[in-house]
Amino acid sequence: MFAGENGLQGNPRLKGISESIRVVPHFPKQGIMFQDITTLMLNHKVFKDTVDIFVDRYRDMGISAVAGIEARGFMFGPSIALAIGAKFVPLRKPKKLPSETISQQYELEYGIDCLEMHIGAVHPGERVIVIDDLVATGGTLSAAINLLERVGAEVVECACVVGLRDVKGQKHRLNGKPLYILVEPRLLINPLVYRDQVA
């Protein structure tokens, strides 16, 4: 669901978030309108507004862990986790974590990728949210859900700053899990060739 359709209709913070994201045409290749969140983070008020919206949503949900997807999920996840009193769990690309890991492969349009998590980082029954900057096809978030569920976690919701209105034909859901999105991408040419190709 979009924040603007769920209690934040007309909220000026959402407009500020959308307008602060730089659109880079044809990066990293022709046809992609890259949504650059680094410009959002240069504006401390807008960055704080972004984190605050997520914190307000998850503060009273009994969340014990915030799982952030490498790398841009790391920009928002720790701040959210600290504010709601949860731990932060990094979901990383292969061979980046130093101890024993569990991994989950997933398909991209150009090949296979993988997410890894330290064994013991999340325990059975823990309530987890997954955070990333953007969702387009949903492949990376689906892999994160599968990885967390394999260790017995309860994935409560996935959250993204930017997202398409319809991901894999599942409006506001991904692998049966709710999907919470702050704003839609701007000036998107080809919605299917997007985040998972540039992650």
Protein backbone atom coordinates (compact mmCIF):
# COMPACT_ATOMS: atom_id res chain seq x y z
CA MET A 1 0.00 0.00 0.00
CA PHE A 2 1.09 3.54 -0.57
CA ALA A 3 1.53 5.82 2.42
CA GLY A 4 -0.60 8.45 0.69
CA GLU A 5 -3.53 6.01 0.62
CA ASN A 6 -3.07 4.90 4.21
CA GLY A 7 -3.49 7.81 6.58
CA LEU A 8 -1.02 10.20 4.94
CA GLN A 9 -3.23 11.57 2.15
CA GLY A 10 -1.98 15.00 1.15
CA ASN A 11 0.89 14.86 3.64
CA PRO A 12 3.50 17.40 2.49
CA ARG A 13 6.32 15.12 3.69
CA LEU A 14 5.55 12.69 0.85
CA LYS A 15 5.78 15.46 -1.74
CA GLY A 16 9.11 16.54 -0.25
CA ILE A 17 10.42 12.98 -0.38
CA SER A 18 9.38 12.51 -4.01
CA GLU A 19 10.83 15.84 -5.11
CA SER A 20 14.14 15.23 -3.34
CA ILE A 21 14.91 12.05 -5.28
CA ARG A 22 17.12 12.79 -8.28
CA VAL A 23 16.13 11.05 -11.53
CA VAL A 24 19.16 10.07 -13.63
CA PRO A 25 18.11 9.19 -17.19
CA HIS A 26 19.65 6.14 -18.88
CA PHE A 27 21.72 4.99 -15.90
CA PRO A 28 23.28 2.49 -15.70
CA LYS A 29 21.99 1.74 -19.20
CA GLN A 30 19.64 3.03 -21.87
CA GLY A 31 15.96 3.05 -20.90
CA ILE A 32 16.43 3.11 -17.12
CA MET A 33 15.39 6.19 -15.18
CA PHE A 34 17.48 5.67 -12.06
CA GLN A 35 15.90 6.94 -8.82
CA ASP A 36 18.87 8.32 -6.88
CA ILE A 37 18.05 8.49 -3.16
CA THR A 38 21.42 10.00 -2.23
CA THR A 39 19.94 13.45 -2.89
CA LEU A 40 17.15 12.70 -0.42
CA MET A 41 19.79 12.02 2.21
CA LEU A 42 21.51 15.36 1.54
CA ASN A 43 18.44 17.14 2.93
CA HIS A 44 18.40 16.32 6.65
CA LYS A 45 14.73 17.34 7.05
CA VAL A 46 13.53 15.11 4.21
CA PHE A 47 15.77 12.25 5.36
CA LYS A 48 14.31 12.59 8.87
CA ASP A 49 10.76 12.75 7.47
CA THR A 50 11.40 9.52 5.55
CA VAL A 51 12.65 7.68 8.62
CA ASP A 52 9.92 9.17 10.84
CA ILE A 53 7.12 7.91 8.57
CA PHE A 54 8.47 4.37 8.83
CA VAL A 55 9.06 4.71 12.59
CA ASP A 56 5.49 5.95 13.16
CA ARG A 57 4.17 2.95 11.24
CA TYR A 58 6.24 0.25 12.98
CA ARG A 59 6.73 1.62 16.51
CA ASP A 60 3.82 -0.29 18.07
CA MET A 61 3.88 -3.48 15.97
CA GLY A 62 6.16 -5.49 18.22
CA ILE A 63 8.94 -5.61 15.63
CA SER A 64 12.10 -7.28 16.97
CA ALA A 65 14.30 -6.94 13.86
CA VAL A 66 14.67 -4.66 10.86
CA ALA A 67 16.34 -6.50 7.97
CA GLY A 68 18.02 -4.17 5.46
CA ILE A 69 18.91 -5.24 1.94
CA GLU A 70 22.39 -4.33 0.71
CA ALA A 71 23.23 -1.64 0.08
CA ARG A 72 20.58 1.03 0.09
CA GLY A 73 18.47 -0.70 2.72
CA PHE A 74 21.40 -0.04 5.04
CA MET A 75 20.81 3.71 4.69
CA PHE A 76 17.37 3.60 6.33
CA GLY A 77 17.24 0.35 8.29
CA PRO A 78 19.57 1.16 11.23
CA SER A 79 17.83 4.48 11.99
CA ILE A 80 14.42 2.81 11.94
CA ALA A 81 15.65 -0.08 14.11
CA LEU A 82 17.12 2.25 16.73
CA ALA A 83 13.97 4.36 16.91
CA ILE A 84 11.60 1.40 17.38
CA GLY A 85 13.88 -0.53 19.76
CA ALA A 86 14.71 -3.35 17.36
CA LYS A 87 17.95 -4.89 16.13
CA PHE A 88 19.26 -4.30 12.62
CA VAL A 89 20.08 -7.33 10.48
CA PRO A 90 22.07 -6.80 7.25
CA LEU A 91 21.13 -8.97 4.27
CA ARG A 92 24.26 -8.93 2.15
CA LYS A 93 25.62 -10.00 -1.20
CA PRO A 94 27.69 -13.21 -1.21
CA LYS A 95 30.98 -13.45 0.68
CA LYS A 96 30.59 -10.12 2.51
CA LEU A 97 29.71 -11.50 5.96
CA PRO A 98 32.60 -12.91 8.01
CA SER A 99 30.89 -15.74 9.91
CA GLU A 100 28.66 -18.68 9.01
CA THR A 101 25.74 -17.67 6.78
CA ILE A 102 22.50 -18.91 5.31
CA SER A 103 21.84 -17.86 1.72
CA GLN A 104 18.96 -17.46 -0.70
CA GLN A 105 19.42 -17.33 -4.47
CA TYR A 106 17.06 -15.43 -6.73
CA GLU A 107 16.75 -14.79 -10.44
CA LEU A 108 17.38 -11.54 -12.21
CA GLU A 109 16.64 -10.84 -15.84
CA TYR A 110 20.36 -11.14 -16.56
CA GLY A 111 21.30 -14.03 -14.24
CA ILE A 112 21.32 -15.23 -10.64
CA ASP A 113 22.06 -13.27 -7.49
CA CYS A 114 22.09 -14.17 -3.81
CA LEU A 115 21.41 -12.68 -0.39
CA GLU A 116 23.15 -13.91 2.76
CA MET A 117 22.51 -13.49 6.47
CA HIS A 118 24.51 -14.56 9.50
CA ILE A 119 23.18 -17.71 11.13
CA GLY A 120 21.68 -16.76 14.48
CA ALA A 121 21.00 -13.15 13.53
CA VAL A 122 17.25 -13.82 13.55
CA HIS A 123 15.51 -16.43 15.70
CA PRO A 124 12.29 -18.40 15.13
CA GLY A 125 9.18 -16.40 15.94
CA GLU A 126 10.83 -12.98 15.73
CA ARG A 127 8.74 -10.35 13.99
CA VAL A 128 10.72 -8.72 11.19
CA ILE A 129 10.25 -5.95 8.66
CA VAL A 130 12.36 -5.80 5.50
CA ILE A 131 13.55 -2.40 4.27
CA ASP A 132 14.98 -1.35 0.92
CA ASP A 133 15.07 1.86 -1.08
CA LEU A 134 13.06 0.67 -4.07
CA VAL A 135 10.89 -2.16 -5.35
CA ALA A 136 10.21 -2.74 -9.05
CA THR A 137 10.01 -6.44 -9.93
CA GLY A 138 10.17 -7.62 -6.32
CA GLY A 139 12.85 -10.27 -6.86
CA THR A 140 15.23 -9.04 -4.17
CA LEU A 141 12.49 -8.51 -1.56
CA SER A 142 11.01 -11.94 -2.32
CA ALA A 143 14.42 -13.51 -1.71
CA ALA A 144 14.69 -11.63 1.60
CA ILE A 145 11.27 -12.91 2.69
CA ASN A 146 12.23 -16.49 1.79
CA LEU A 147 15.56 -16.21 3.61
CA LEU A 148 13.98 -14.91 6.81
CA GLU A 149 11.14 -17.42 6.76
CA ARG A 150 13.61 -20.28 6.36
CA VAL A 151 14.97 -19.47 9.83
CA GLY A 152 11.47 -19.24 11.30
CA ALA A 153 11.02 -15.48 11.37
CA GLU A 154 7.63 -13.88 10.87
CA VAL A 155 7.96 -11.29 8.12
CA VAL A 156 5.38 -8.68 9.04
CA GLU A 157 5.85 -6.34 6.08
CA CYS A 158 8.26 -5.08 3.44
CA ALA A 159 8.88 -1.34 3.23
CA CYS A 160 10.41 0.79 0.48
CA VAL A 161 10.87 4.48 -0.13
CA VAL A 162 10.04 4.18 -3.85
CA GLY A 163 7.92 1.57 -5.58
CA LEU A 164 5.70 0.75 -8.50
CA ARG A 165 1.95 0.66 -7.99
CA ASP A 166 1.73 -2.97 -9.16
CA VAL A 167 4.64 -5.32 -8.39
CA LYS A 168 4.46 -8.67 -10.23
CA GLY A 169 0.70 -8.23 -10.56
CA GLN A 170 0.31 -8.29 -6.76
CA LYS A 171 -1.05 -4.92 -5.76
CA HIS A 172 0.36 -3.93 -2.35
CA ARG A 173 1.59 -7.47 -1.59
CA LEU A 174 4.72 -9.52 -2.24
CA ASN A 175 4.87 -13.27 -1.55
CA GLY A 176 1.66 -12.76 0.38
CA LYS A 177 3.26 -10.11 2.61
CA PRO A 178 2.08 -6.50 2.80
CA LEU A 179 4.20 -3.99 0.90
CA TYR A 180 4.39 -0.42 2.23
CA ILE A 181 5.70 2.24 -0.17
CA LEU A 182 6.15 5.96 0.41
CA VAL A 183 6.23 7.32 -3.17
CA GLU A 184 6.03 6.22 -6.79
CA PRO A 185 9.03 6.58 -9.10
CA ARG A 186 9.16 9.64 -11.31
CA LEU A 187 9.73 9.62 -15.09
CA LEU A 188 9.98 5.86 -15.37
CA ILE A 189 10.39 4.64 -18.95
CA ASN A 190 10.51 0.86 -18.56
CA PRO A 191 9.20 -0.34 -15.18
CA LEU A 192 10.37 -3.91 -15.67
CA VAL A 193 14.01 -3.01 -16.24
CA TYR A 194 14.80 -1.24 -13.03
CA ARG A 195 16.03 -1.91 -9.50
CA ASP A 196 16.93 -5.59 -9.75
CA GLN A 197 19.18 -4.86 -12.71
CA VAL A 198 21.13 -2.16 -10.93
CA ALA A 199 21.38 -3.60 -7.41
